[in-house]
PDB file of all heavy atoms in Angstrom:
ATOM      1  N   HIS A   1      15.075  10.352  12.903  1.00  0.00           N
ATOM      2  CA  HIS A   1      13.794   9.791  12.478  1.00  0.00           C
ATOM      3  C   HIS A   1      13.911   8.906  11.231  1.00  0.00           C
ATOM      4  O   HIS A   1      12.911   8.551  10.635  1.00  0.00           O
ATOM      5  CB  HIS A   1      12.810  10.928  12.197  1.00  0.00           C
ATOM      6  CG  HIS A   1      12.591  11.821  13.376  1.00  0.00           C
ATOM      7  ND1 HIS A   1      11.623  11.587  14.323  1.00  0.00           N
ATOM      8  CD2 HIS A   1      13.246  12.941  13.782  1.00  0.00           C
ATOM      9  CE1 HIS A   1      11.677  12.531  15.249  1.00  0.00           C
ATOM     10  NE2 HIS A   1      12.646  13.365  14.942  1.00  0.00           N
ATOM     11  N   VAL A   2      15.129   8.531  10.891  1.00  0.00           N
ATOM     12  CA  VAL A   2      15.330   7.725   9.689  1.00  0.00           C
ATOM     13  C   VAL A   2      14.848   6.293   9.911  1.00  0.00           C
ATOM     14  O   VAL A   2      14.253   5.677   9.030  1.00  0.00           O
ATOM     15  CB  VAL A   2      16.818   7.724   9.275  1.00  0.00           C
ATOM     16  CG1 VAL A   2      17.069   6.694   8.180  1.00  0.00           C
ATOM     17  CG2 VAL A   2      17.233   9.108   8.797  1.00  0.00           C
ATOM     18  N   PHE A   3      15.094   5.764  11.115  1.00  0.00           N
ATOM     19  CA  PHE A   3      14.769   4.372  11.384  1.00  0.00           C
ATOM     20  C   PHE A   3      13.430   4.226  12.112  1.00  0.00           C
ATOM     21  O   PHE A   3      12.838   5.189  12.575  1.00  0.00           O
ATOM     22  CB  PHE A   3      15.895   3.725  12.190  1.00  0.00           C
ATOM     23  CG  PHE A   3      17.221   3.770  11.486  1.00  0.00           C
ATOM     24  CD1 PHE A   3      18.254   4.557  11.963  1.00  0.00           C
ATOM     25  CD2 PHE A   3      17.423   3.032  10.328  1.00  0.00           C
ATOM     26  CE1 PHE A   3      19.477   4.606  11.304  1.00  0.00           C
ATOM     27  CE2 PHE A   3      18.636   3.074   9.663  1.00  0.00           C
ATOM     28  CZ  PHE A   3      19.668   3.859  10.146  1.00  0.00           C
ATOM     29  N   HIS A   4      12.966   3.004  12.197  1.00  0.00           N
ATOM     30  CA  HIS A   4      11.730   2.660  12.908  1.00  0.00           C
ATOM     31  C   HIS A   4      10.518   3.400  12.335  1.00  0.00           C
ATOM     32  O   HIS A   4       9.719   3.974  13.084  1.00  0.00           O
ATOM     33  CB  HIS A   4      11.866   2.940  14.407  1.00  0.00           C
ATOM     34  CG  HIS A   4      13.062   2.287  15.029  1.00  0.00           C
ATOM     35  ND1 HIS A   4      13.462   1.009  14.700  1.00  0.00           N
ATOM     36  CD2 HIS A   4      13.946   2.732  15.957  1.00  0.00           C
ATOM     37  CE1 HIS A   4      14.552   0.707  15.409  1.00  0.00           C
ATOM     38  NE2 HIS A   4      14.865   1.723  16.156  1.00  0.00           N
ATOM     39  N   ARG A   5      10.388   3.350  11.019  1.00  0.00           N
ATOM     40  CA  ARG A   5       9.229   3.951  10.369  1.00  0.00           C
ATOM     41  C   ARG A   5       8.067   2.946  10.349  1.00  0.00           C
ATOM     42  O   ARG A   5       8.270   1.733  10.413  1.00  0.00           O
ATOM     43  CB  ARG A   5       9.554   4.384   8.943  1.00  0.00           C
ATOM     44  CG  ARG A   5      10.729   5.313   8.790  1.00  0.00           C
ATOM     45  CD  ARG A   5      10.727   6.494   9.726  1.00  0.00           C
ATOM     46  NE  ARG A   5       9.435   7.171   9.847  1.00  0.00           N
ATOM     47  CZ  ARG A   5       9.234   8.245  10.607  1.00  0.00           C
ATOM     48  NH1 ARG A   5      10.221   8.755  11.326  1.00  0.00           N
ATOM     49  NH2 ARG A   5       8.040   8.814  10.663  1.00  0.00           N
ATOM     50  N   ASP A   6       6.846   3.474  10.252  1.00  0.00           N
ATOM     51  CA  ASP A   6       5.657   2.627  10.209  1.00  0.00           C
ATOM     52  C   ASP A   6       5.360   2.261   8.756  1.00  0.00           C
ATOM     53  O   ASP A   6       4.734   3.020   8.028  1.00  0.00           O
ATOM     54  CB  ASP A   6       4.468   3.350  10.844  1.00  0.00           C
ATOM     55  CG  ASP A   6       3.240   2.463  10.935  1.00  0.00           C
ATOM     56  OD1 ASP A   6       3.319   1.275  10.540  1.00  0.00           O
ATOM     57  OD2 ASP A   6       2.192   2.946  11.403  1.00  0.00           O
ATOM     58  N   HIS A   7       5.814   1.082   8.358  1.00  0.00           N
ATOM     59  CA  HIS A   7       5.683   0.618   6.979  1.00  0.00           C
ATOM     60  C   HIS A   7       4.476  -0.308   6.793  1.00  0.00           C
ATOM     61  O   HIS A   7       4.251  -0.843   5.718  1.00  0.00           O
ATOM     62  CB  HIS A   7       6.974  -0.114   6.574  1.00  0.00           C
ATOM     63  CG  HIS A   7       7.092  -0.418   5.119  1.00  0.00           C
ATOM     64  ND1 HIS A   7       7.093  -1.703   4.601  1.00  0.00           N
ATOM     65  CD2 HIS A   7       7.210   0.409   4.048  1.00  0.00           C
ATOM     66  CE1 HIS A   7       7.225  -1.661   3.298  1.00  0.00           C
ATOM     67  NE2 HIS A   7       7.293  -0.400   2.924  1.00  0.00           N
ATOM     68  N   ARG A   8       3.666  -0.474   7.838  1.00  0.00           N
ATOM     69  CA  ARG A   8       2.511  -1.370   7.746  1.00  0.00           C
ATOM     70  C   ARG A   8       1.458  -0.837   6.768  1.00  0.00           C
ATOM     71  O   ARG A   8       1.388   0.368   6.520  1.00  0.00           O
ATOM     72  CB  ARG A   8       1.855  -1.532   9.117  1.00  0.00           C
ATOM     73  CG  ARG A   8       2.739  -2.084  10.211  1.00  0.00           C
ATOM     74  CD  ARG A   8       1.941  -2.118  11.491  1.00  0.00           C
ATOM     75  NE  ARG A   8       2.677  -2.512  12.670  1.00  0.00           N
ATOM     76  CZ  ARG A   8       2.695  -1.824  13.807  1.00  0.00           C
ATOM     77  NH1 ARG A   8       2.034  -0.674  13.889  1.00  0.00           N
ATOM     78  NH2 ARG A   8       3.365  -2.267  14.851  1.00  0.00           N
ATOM     79  N   LYS A   9       0.630  -1.747   6.293  1.00  0.00           N
ATOM     80  CA  LYS A   9      -0.553  -1.400   5.502  1.00  0.00           C
ATOM     81  C   LYS A   9      -1.709  -2.202   6.097  1.00  0.00           C
ATOM     82  O   LYS A   9      -1.802  -3.425   5.907  1.00  0.00           O
ATOM     83  CB  LYS A   9      -0.382  -1.771   4.023  1.00  0.00           C
ATOM     84  CG  LYS A   9       0.805  -1.070   3.326  1.00  0.00           C
ATOM     85  CD  LYS A   9       2.042  -1.920   3.354  1.00  0.00           C
ATOM     86  CE  LYS A   9       3.147  -1.407   2.458  1.00  0.00           C
ATOM     87  NZ  LYS A   9       3.735  -0.145   2.826  1.00  0.00           N
ATOM     88  N   ILE A  10      -2.584  -1.507   6.829  1.00  0.00           N
ATOM     89  CA  ILE A  10      -3.677  -2.174   7.544  1.00  0.00           C
ATOM     90  C   ILE A  10      -4.970  -1.392   7.349  1.00  0.00           C
ATOM     91  O   ILE A  10      -4.969  -0.162   7.416  1.00  0.00           O
ATOM     92  CB  ILE A  10      -3.395  -2.256   9.063  1.00  0.00           C
ATOM     93  CG1 ILE A  10      -2.100  -3.008   9.355  1.00  0.00           C
ATOM     94  CG2 ILE A  10      -4.556  -2.916   9.802  1.00  0.00           C
ATOM     95  CD1 ILE A  10      -1.695  -2.959  10.829  1.00  0.00           C
ATOM     96  N   VAL A  11      -6.061  -2.106   7.126  1.00  0.00           N
ATOM     97  CA  VAL A  11      -7.401  -1.531   7.201  1.00  0.00           C
ATOM     98  C   VAL A  11      -8.266  -2.483   8.011  1.00  0.00           C
ATOM     99  O   VAL A  11      -8.188  -3.704   7.831  1.00  0.00           O
ATOM    100  CB  VAL A  11      -8.036  -1.324   5.809  1.00  0.00           C
ATOM    101  CG1 VAL A  11      -9.455  -0.766   5.948  1.00  0.00           C
ATOM    102  CG2 VAL A  11      -7.190  -0.385   4.951  1.00  0.00           C
ATOM    103  N   ILE A  12      -9.069  -1.948   8.929  1.00  0.00           N
ATOM    104  CA  ILE A  12     -10.053  -2.737   9.672  1.00  0.00           C
ATOM    105  C   ILE A  12     -11.398  -2.048   9.541  1.00  0.00           C
ATOM    106  O   ILE A  12     -11.500  -0.839   9.771  1.00  0.00           O
ATOM    107  CB  ILE A  12      -9.697  -2.877  11.163  1.00  0.00           C
ATOM    108  CG1 ILE A  12      -8.268  -3.409  11.347  1.00  0.00           C
ATOM    109  CG2 ILE A  12     -10.699  -3.796  11.862  1.00  0.00           C
ATOM    110  CD1 ILE A  12      -7.287  -2.369  11.759  1.00  0.00           C
ATOM    111  N   ILE A  13     -12.409  -2.811   9.166  1.00  0.00           N
ATOM    112  CA  ILE A  13     -13.764  -2.272   8.993  1.00  0.00           C
ATOM    113  C   ILE A  13     -14.708  -2.979   9.959  1.00  0.00           C
ATOM    114  O   ILE A  13     -14.885  -4.206   9.883  1.00  0.00           O
ATOM    115  CB  ILE A  13     -14.245  -2.461   7.542  1.00  0.00           C
ATOM    116  CG1 ILE A  13     -13.294  -1.731   6.568  1.00  0.00           C
ATOM    117  CG2 ILE A  13     -15.674  -1.937   7.375  1.00  0.00           C
ATOM    118  CD1 ILE A  13     -13.539  -2.051   5.116  1.00  0.00           C
ATOM    119  N   ASP A  14     -15.253  -2.213  10.893  1.00  0.00           N
ATOM    120  CA  ASP A  14     -16.221  -2.723  11.878  1.00  0.00           C
ATOM    121  C   ASP A  14     -15.675  -3.877  12.705  1.00  0.00           C
ATOM    122  O   ASP A  14     -16.448  -4.662  13.269  1.00  0.00           O
ATOM    123  CB  ASP A  14     -17.519  -3.143  11.187  1.00  0.00           C
ATOM    124  CG  ASP A  14     -18.297  -1.949  10.635  1.00  0.00           C
ATOM    125  OD1 ASP A  14     -18.053  -0.823  11.106  1.00  0.00           O
ATOM    126  OD2 ASP A  14     -19.135  -2.148   9.737  1.00  0.00           O
ATOM    127  N   GLY A  15     -14.355  -4.014  12.771  1.00  0.00           N
ATOM    128  CA  GLY A  15     -13.759  -5.085  13.559  1.00  0.00           C
ATOM    129  C   GLY A  15     -13.960  -6.464  12.976  1.00  0.00           C
ATOM    130  O   GLY A  15     -13.579  -7.465  13.600  1.00  0.00           O
ATOM    131  N   LYS A  16     -14.524  -6.547  11.778  1.00  0.00           N
ATOM    132  CA  LYS A  16     -14.852  -7.839  11.173  1.00  0.00           C
ATOM    133  C   LYS A  16     -14.068  -8.138   9.901  1.00  0.00           C
ATOM    134  O   LYS A  16     -13.824  -9.288   9.570  1.00  0.00           O
ATOM    135  CB  LYS A  16     -16.349  -7.904  10.858  1.00  0.00           C
ATOM    136  CG  LYS A  16     -17.255  -7.838  12.078  1.00  0.00           C
ATOM    137  CD  LYS A  16     -18.714  -7.929  11.672  1.00  0.00           C
ATOM    138  CE  LYS A  16     -19.631  -7.875  12.903  1.00  0.00           C
ATOM    139  NZ  LYS A  16     -21.062  -7.992  12.527  1.00  0.00           N
ATOM    140  N   ILE A  17     -13.700  -7.086   9.184  1.00  0.00           N
ATOM    141  CA  ILE A  17     -12.990  -7.234   7.913  1.00  0.00           C
ATOM    142  C   ILE A  17     -11.642  -6.541   8.029  1.00  0.00           C
ATOM    143  O   ILE A  17     -11.552  -5.406   8.511  1.00  0.00           O
ATOM    144  CB  ILE A  17     -13.797  -6.608   6.757  1.00  0.00           C
ATOM    145  CG1 ILE A  17     -15.150  -7.301   6.614  1.00  0.00           C
ATOM    146  CG2 ILE A  17     -13.015  -6.671   5.444  1.00  0.00           C
ATOM    147  CD1 ILE A  17     -16.087  -6.622   5.632  1.00  0.00           C
ATOM    148  N   GLY A  18     -10.595  -7.228   7.603  1.00  0.00           N
ATOM    149  CA  GLY A  18      -9.260  -6.649   7.664  1.00  0.00           C
ATOM    150  C   GLY A  18      -8.528  -6.801   6.345  1.00  0.00           C
ATOM    151  O   GLY A  18      -8.788  -7.738   5.568  1.00  0.00           O
ATOM    152  N   TYR A  19      -7.621  -5.871   6.085  1.00  0.00           N
ATOM    153  CA  TYR A  19      -6.781  -5.922   4.891  1.00  0.00           C
ATOM    154  C   TYR A  19      -5.331  -5.725   5.294  1.00  0.00           C
ATOM    155  O   TYR A  19      -5.018  -4.938   6.195  1.00  0.00           O
ATOM    156  CB  TYR A  19      -7.139  -4.799   3.907  1.00  0.00           C
ATOM    157  CG  TYR A  19      -8.489  -4.890   3.252  1.00  0.00           C
ATOM    158  CD1 TYR A  19      -9.635  -4.443   3.913  1.00  0.00           C
ATOM    159  CD2 TYR A  19      -8.634  -5.396   1.961  1.00  0.00           C
ATOM    160  CE1 TYR A  19     -10.882  -4.500   3.314  1.00  0.00           C
ATOM    161  CE2 TYR A  19      -9.875  -5.455   1.352  1.00  0.00           C
ATOM    162  CZ  TYR A  19     -10.998  -5.006   2.029  1.00  0.00           C
ATOM    163  OH  TYR A  19     -12.234  -5.070   1.433  1.00  0.00           O
ATOM    164  N   THR A  20      -4.437  -6.425   4.602  1.00  0.00           N
ATOM    165  CA  THR A  20      -3.020  -6.122   4.693  1.00  0.00           C
ATOM    166  C   THR A  20      -2.350  -6.611   3.413  1.00  0.00           C
ATOM    167  O   THR A  20      -2.953  -7.312   2.608  1.00  0.00           O
ATOM    168  CB  THR A  20      -2.373  -6.737   5.945  1.00  0.00           C
ATOM    169  OG1 THR A  20      -1.074  -6.169   6.134  1.00  0.00           O
ATOM    170  CG2 THR A  20      -2.251  -8.258   5.834  1.00  0.00           C
ATOM    171  N   GLY A  21      -1.101  -6.216   3.221  1.00  0.00           N
ATOM    172  CA  GLY A  21      -0.392  -6.596   2.002  1.00  0.00           C
ATOM    173  C   GLY A  21       0.683  -5.600   1.653  1.00  0.00           C
ATOM    174  O   GLY A  21       1.244  -4.937   2.537  1.00  0.00           O
ATOM    175  N   GLY A  22       0.945  -5.450   0.359  1.00  0.00           N
ATOM    176  CA  GLY A  22       2.068  -4.639  -0.079  1.00  0.00           C
ATOM    177  C   GLY A  22       1.726  -3.252  -0.573  1.00  0.00           C
ATOM    178  O   GLY A  22       2.620  -2.455  -0.854  1.00  0.00           O
ATOM    179  N   MET A  23       0.424  -2.928  -0.676  1.00  0.00           N
ATOM    180  CA  MET A  23       0.021  -1.675  -1.308  1.00  0.00           C
ATOM    181  C   MET A  23      -0.342  -0.576  -0.327  1.00  0.00           C
ATOM    182  O   MET A  23      -1.086  -0.811   0.631  1.00  0.00           O
ATOM    183  CB  MET A  23      -1.187  -1.922  -2.225  1.00  0.00           C
ATOM    184  CG  MET A  23      -0.845  -2.669  -3.482  1.00  0.00           C
ATOM    185  SD  MET A  23      -2.297  -2.935  -4.551  1.00  0.00           S
ATOM    186  CE  MET A  23      -2.644  -4.658  -4.213  1.00  0.00           C
ATOM    187  N   ASN A  24       0.166   0.616  -0.586  1.00  0.00           N
ATOM    188  CA  ASN A  24      -0.282   1.823   0.099  1.00  0.00           C
ATOM    189  C   ASN A  24      -1.497   2.370  -0.654  1.00  0.00           C
ATOM    190  O   ASN A  24      -2.189   1.645  -1.354  1.00  0.00           O
ATOM    191  CB  ASN A  24       0.858   2.838   0.159  1.00  0.00           C
ATOM    192  CG  ASN A  24       1.997   2.366   1.044  1.00  0.00           C
ATOM    193  OD1 ASN A  24       1.846   2.172   2.245  1.00  0.00           O
ATOM    194  ND2 ASN A  24       3.166   2.165   0.435  1.00  0.00           N
ATOM    195  N   ILE A  25      -1.760   3.655  -0.508  1.00  0.00           N
ATOM    196  CA  ILE A  25      -2.857   4.296  -1.231  1.00  0.00           C
ATOM    197  C   ILE A  25      -2.255   5.185  -2.319  1.00  0.00           C
ATOM    198  O   ILE A  25      -1.704   6.247  -2.040  1.00  0.00           O
ATOM    199  CB  ILE A  25      -3.741   5.139  -0.281  1.00  0.00           C
ATOM    200  CG1 ILE A  25      -4.301   4.281   0.848  1.00  0.00           C
ATOM    201  CG2 ILE A  25      -4.858   5.824  -1.074  1.00  0.00           C
ATOM    202  CD1 ILE A  25      -5.262   3.194   0.413  1.00  0.00           C
ATOM    203  N   ALA A  26      -2.328   4.723  -3.562  1.00  0.00           N
ATOM    204  CA  ALA A  26      -1.762   5.478  -4.689  1.00  0.00           C
ATOM    205  C   ALA A  26      -2.347   4.962  -5.991  1.00  0.00           C
ATOM    206  O   ALA A  26      -2.659   3.767  -6.111  1.00  0.00           O
ATOM    207  CB  ALA A  26      -0.233   5.352  -4.709  1.00  0.00           C
ATOM    208  N   ASP A  27      -2.440   5.835  -6.979  1.00  0.00           N
ATOM    209  CA  ASP A  27      -3.034   5.412  -8.255  1.00  0.00           C
ATOM    210  C   ASP A  27      -2.090   4.588  -9.111  1.00  0.00           C
ATOM    211  O   ASP A  27      -2.524   3.864 -10.010  1.00  0.00           O
ATOM    212  CB  ASP A  27      -3.564   6.612  -9.037  1.00  0.00           C
ATOM    213  CG  ASP A  27      -2.506   7.656  -9.364  1.00  0.00           C
ATOM    214  OD1 ASP A  27      -1.296   7.381  -9.176  1.00  0.00           O
ATOM    215  OD2 ASP A  27      -2.886   8.761  -9.808  1.00  0.00           O
ATOM    216  N   TYR A  28      -0.761   4.641  -8.832  1.00  0.00           N
ATOM    217  CA  TYR A  28       0.152   3.887  -9.688  1.00  0.00           C
ATOM    218  C   TYR A  28       0.042   2.373  -9.481  1.00  0.00           C
ATOM    219  O   TYR A  28       0.572   1.595 -10.277  1.00  0.00           O
ATOM    220  CB  TYR A  28       1.604   4.350  -9.525  1.00  0.00           C
ATOM    221  CG  TYR A  28       2.163   4.398  -8.120  1.00  0.00           C
ATOM    222  CD1 TYR A  28       2.391   3.237  -7.383  1.00  0.00           C
ATOM    223  CD2 TYR A  28       2.508   5.620  -7.543  1.00  0.00           C
ATOM    224  CE1 TYR A  28       2.924   3.290  -6.106  1.00  0.00           C
ATOM    225  CE2 TYR A  28       3.040   5.682  -6.270  1.00  0.00           C
ATOM    226  CZ  TYR A  28       3.252   4.524  -5.553  1.00  0.00           C
ATOM    227  OH  TYR A  28       3.790   4.591  -4.290  1.00  0.00           O
ATOM    228  N   TYR A  29      -0.652   1.948  -8.435  1.00  0.00           N
ATOM    229  CA  TYR A  29      -0.915   0.519  -8.293  1.00  0.00           C
ATOM    230  C   TYR A  29      -1.877   0.039  -9.385  1.00  0.00           C
ATOM    231  O   TYR A  29      -1.972  -1.159  -9.643  1.00  0.00           O
ATOM    232  CB  TYR A  29      -1.498   0.205  -6.917  1.00  0.00           C
ATOM    233  CG  TYR A  29      -0.523   0.456  -5.788  1.00  0.00           C
ATOM    234  CD1 TYR A  29      -0.687   1.539  -4.934  1.00  0.00           C
ATOM    235  CD2 TYR A  29       0.567  -0.378  -5.587  1.00  0.00           C
ATOM    236  CE1 TYR A  29       0.209   1.781  -3.905  1.00  0.00           C
ATOM    237  CE2 TYR A  29       1.472  -0.138  -4.565  1.00  0.00           C
ATOM    238  CZ  TYR A  29       1.284   0.939  -3.723  1.00  0.00           C
ATOM    239  OH  TYR A  29       2.183   1.182  -2.704  1.00  0.00           O
ATOM    240  N   ILE A  30      -2.575   0.991  -9.997  1.00  0.00           N
ATOM    241  CA  ILE A  30      -3.474   0.677 -11.114  1.00  0.00           C
ATOM    242  C   ILE A  30      -2.876   1.126 -12.445  1.00  0.00           C
ATOM    243  O   ILE A  30      -2.879   0.376 -13.424  1.00  0.00           O
ATOM    244  CB  ILE A  30      -4.849   1.358 -10.902  1.00  0.00           C
ATOM    245  CG1 ILE A  30      -5.516   0.809  -9.637  1.00  0.00           C
ATOM    246  CG2 ILE A  30      -5.749   1.140 -12.123  1.00  0.00           C
ATOM    247  CD1 ILE A  30      -6.812   1.510  -9.277  1.00  0.00           C
ATOM    248  N   THR A  31      -2.345   2.333 -12.474  1.00  0.00           N
ATOM    249  CA  THR A  31      -1.890   2.918 -13.738  1.00  0.00           C
ATOM    250  C   THR A  31      -0.434   2.606 -14.073  1.00  0.00           C
ATOM    251  O   THR A  31      -0.020   2.737 -15.227  1.00  0.00           O
ATOM    252  CB  THR A  31      -2.050   4.450 -13.699  1.00  0.00           C
ATOM    253  OG1 THR A  31      -1.218   4.986 -12.640  1.00  0.00           O
ATOM    254  CG2 THR A  31      -3.500   4.838 -13.435  1.00  0.00           C
ATOM    255  N   GLY A  32       0.363   2.213 -13.074  1.00  0.00           N
ATOM    256  CA  GLY A  32       1.789   2.035 -13.291  1.00  0.00           C
ATOM    257  C   GLY A  32       2.515   3.366 -13.315  1.00  0.00           C
ATOM    258  O   GLY A  32       1.922   4.429 -13.067  1.00  0.00           O
ATOM    259  N   LEU A  33       3.804   3.323 -13.628  1.00  0.00           N
ATOM    260  CA  LEU A  33       4.627   4.525 -13.729  1.00  0.00           C
ATOM    261  C   LEU A  33       5.417   4.487 -15.038  1.00  0.00           C
ATOM    262  O   LEU A  33       5.860   3.407 -15.462  1.00  0.00           O
ATOM    263  CB  LEU A  33       5.595   4.623 -12.546  1.00  0.00           C
ATOM    264  CG  LEU A  33       4.978   4.913 -11.172  1.00  0.00           C
ATOM    265  CD1 LEU A  33       6.032   4.777 -10.082  1.00  0.00           C
ATOM    266  CD2 LEU A  33       4.353   6.306 -11.142  1.00  0.00           C
ATOM    267  N   PRO A  34       5.603   5.637 -15.690  1.00  0.00           N
ATOM    268  CA  PRO A  34       6.284   5.647 -16.996  1.00  0.00           C
ATOM    269  C   PRO A  34       7.661   4.998 -16.971  1.00  0.00           C
ATOM    270  O   PRO A  34       8.029   4.284 -17.907  1.00  0.00           O
ATOM    271  CB  PRO A  34       6.388   7.145 -17.317  1.00  0.00           C
ATOM    272  CG  PRO A  34       5.295   7.792 -16.525  1.00  0.00           C
ATOM    273  CD  PRO A  34       5.168   6.986 -15.270  1.00  0.00           C
ATOM    274  N   GLU A  35       8.420   5.228 -15.885  1.00  0.00           N
ATOM    275  CA  GLU A  35       9.802   4.748 -15.860  1.00  0.00           C
ATOM    276  C   GLU A  35       9.934   3.255 -15.569  1.00  0.00           C
ATOM    277  O   GLU A  35      10.984   2.656 -15.857  1.00  0.00           O
ATOM    278  CB  GLU A  35      10.618   5.547 -14.835  1.00  0.00           C
ATOM    279  CG  GLU A  35      10.095   5.489 -13.408  1.00  0.00           C
ATOM    280  CD  GLU A  35       9.088   6.575 -13.083  1.00  0.00           C
ATOM    281  OE1 GLU A  35       8.414   7.068 -14.002  1.00  0.00           O
ATOM    282  OE2 GLU A  35       8.986   6.922 -11.889  1.00  0.00           O
ATOM    283  N   ILE A  36       8.889   2.629 -15.002  1.00  0.00           N
ATOM    284  CA  ILE A  36       8.998   1.203 -14.664  1.00  0.00           C
ATOM    285  C   ILE A  36       7.871   0.350 -15.240  1.00  0.00           C
ATOM    286  O   ILE A  36       7.906  -0.876 -15.150  1.00  0.00           O
ATOM    287  CB  ILE A  36       9.061   0.979 -13.133  1.00  0.00           C
ATOM    288  CG1 ILE A  36       7.828   1.570 -12.453  1.00  0.00           C
ATOM    289  CG2 ILE A  36      10.340   1.533 -12.553  1.00  0.00           C
ATOM    290  CD1 ILE A  36       7.785   1.311 -10.954  1.00  0.00           C
ATOM    291  N   GLY A  37       6.852   0.976 -15.816  1.00  0.00           N
ATOM    292  CA  GLY A  37       5.749   0.232 -16.392  1.00  0.00           C
ATOM    293  C   GLY A  37       4.718  -0.172 -15.343  1.00  0.00           C
ATOM    294  O   GLY A  37       4.492   0.547 -14.361  1.00  0.00           O
ATOM    295  N   GLU A  38       4.119  -1.342 -15.539  1.00  0.00           N
ATOM    296  CA  GLU A  38       3.074  -1.817 -14.626  1.00  0.00           C
ATOM    297  C   GLU A  38       3.632  -2.031 -13.216  1.00  0.00           C
ATOM    298  O   GLU A  38       4.750  -2.516 -13.046  1.00  0.00           O
ATOM    299  CB  GLU A  38       2.492  -3.139 -15.138  1.00  0.00           C
ATOM    300  CG  GLU A  38       1.386  -3.703 -14.251  1.00  0.00           C
ATOM    301  CD  GLU A  38       0.900  -5.075 -14.690  1.00  0.00           C
ATOM    302  OE1 GLU A  38       1.412  -5.585 -15.707  1.00  0.00           O
ATOM    303  OE2 GLU A  38       0.021  -5.642 -14.006  1.00  0.00           O
ATOM    304  N   TRP A  39       2.831  -1.658 -12.227  1.00  0.00           N
ATOM    305  CA  TRP A  39       3.203  -1.884 -10.831  1.00  0.00           C
ATOM    306  C   TRP A  39       2.424  -3.100 -10.343  1.00  0.00           C
ATOM    307  O   TRP A  39       1.238  -3.044 -10.094  1.00  0.00           O
ATOM    308  CB  TRP A  39       2.865  -0.657  -9.991  1.00  0.00           C
ATOM    309  CG  TRP A  39       3.434  -0.692  -8.601  1.00  0.00           C
ATOM    310  CD1 TRP A  39       3.125  -1.572  -7.607  1.00  0.00           C
ATOM    311  CD2 TRP A  39       4.407   0.199  -8.035  1.00  0.00           C
ATOM    312  NE1 TRP A  39       3.831  -1.308  -6.462  1.00  0.00           N
ATOM    313  CE2 TRP A  39       4.633  -0.214  -6.703  1.00  0.00           C
ATOM    314  CE3 TRP A  39       5.109   1.299  -8.522  1.00  0.00           C
ATOM    315  CZ2 TRP A  39       5.530   0.442  -5.854  1.00  0.00           C
ATOM    316  CZ3 TRP A  39       5.992   1.950  -7.671  1.00  0.00           C
ATOM    317  CH2 TRP A  39       6.207   1.528  -6.357  1.00  0.00           C
ATOM    318  N   ARG A  40       3.102  -4.237 -10.205  1.00  0.00           N
ATOM    319  CA  ARG A  40       2.466  -5.477  -9.762  1.00  0.00           C
ATOM    320  C   ARG A  40       2.528  -5.565  -8.243  1.00  0.00           C
ATOM    321  O   ARG A  40       3.574  -5.367  -7.643  1.00  0.00           O
ATOM    322  CB  ARG A  40       3.184  -6.690 -10.365  1.00  0.00           C
ATOM    323  CG  ARG A  40       2.988  -6.828 -11.849  1.00  0.00           C
ATOM    324  CD  ARG A  40       1.663  -7.499 -12.194  1.00  0.00           C
ATOM    325  NE  ARG A  40       1.701  -8.925 -11.897  1.00  0.00           N
ATOM    326  CZ  ARG A  40       1.046  -9.507 -10.910  1.00  0.00           C
ATOM    327  NH1 ARG A  40       0.274  -8.812 -10.115  1.00  0.00           N
ATOM    328  NH2 ARG A  40       1.135 -10.812 -10.708  1.00  0.00           N
TER     329      ARG A  40
END
């Protein structure tokens, strides 16, 4: 199970609005992490 993981990031709302990009769901996208600083 190491390969072929689902790395997508997708949201669809009512079939009209969609999101994709580099972010999962986590607070460090806002707060950053001590060892690396801001998460851009």
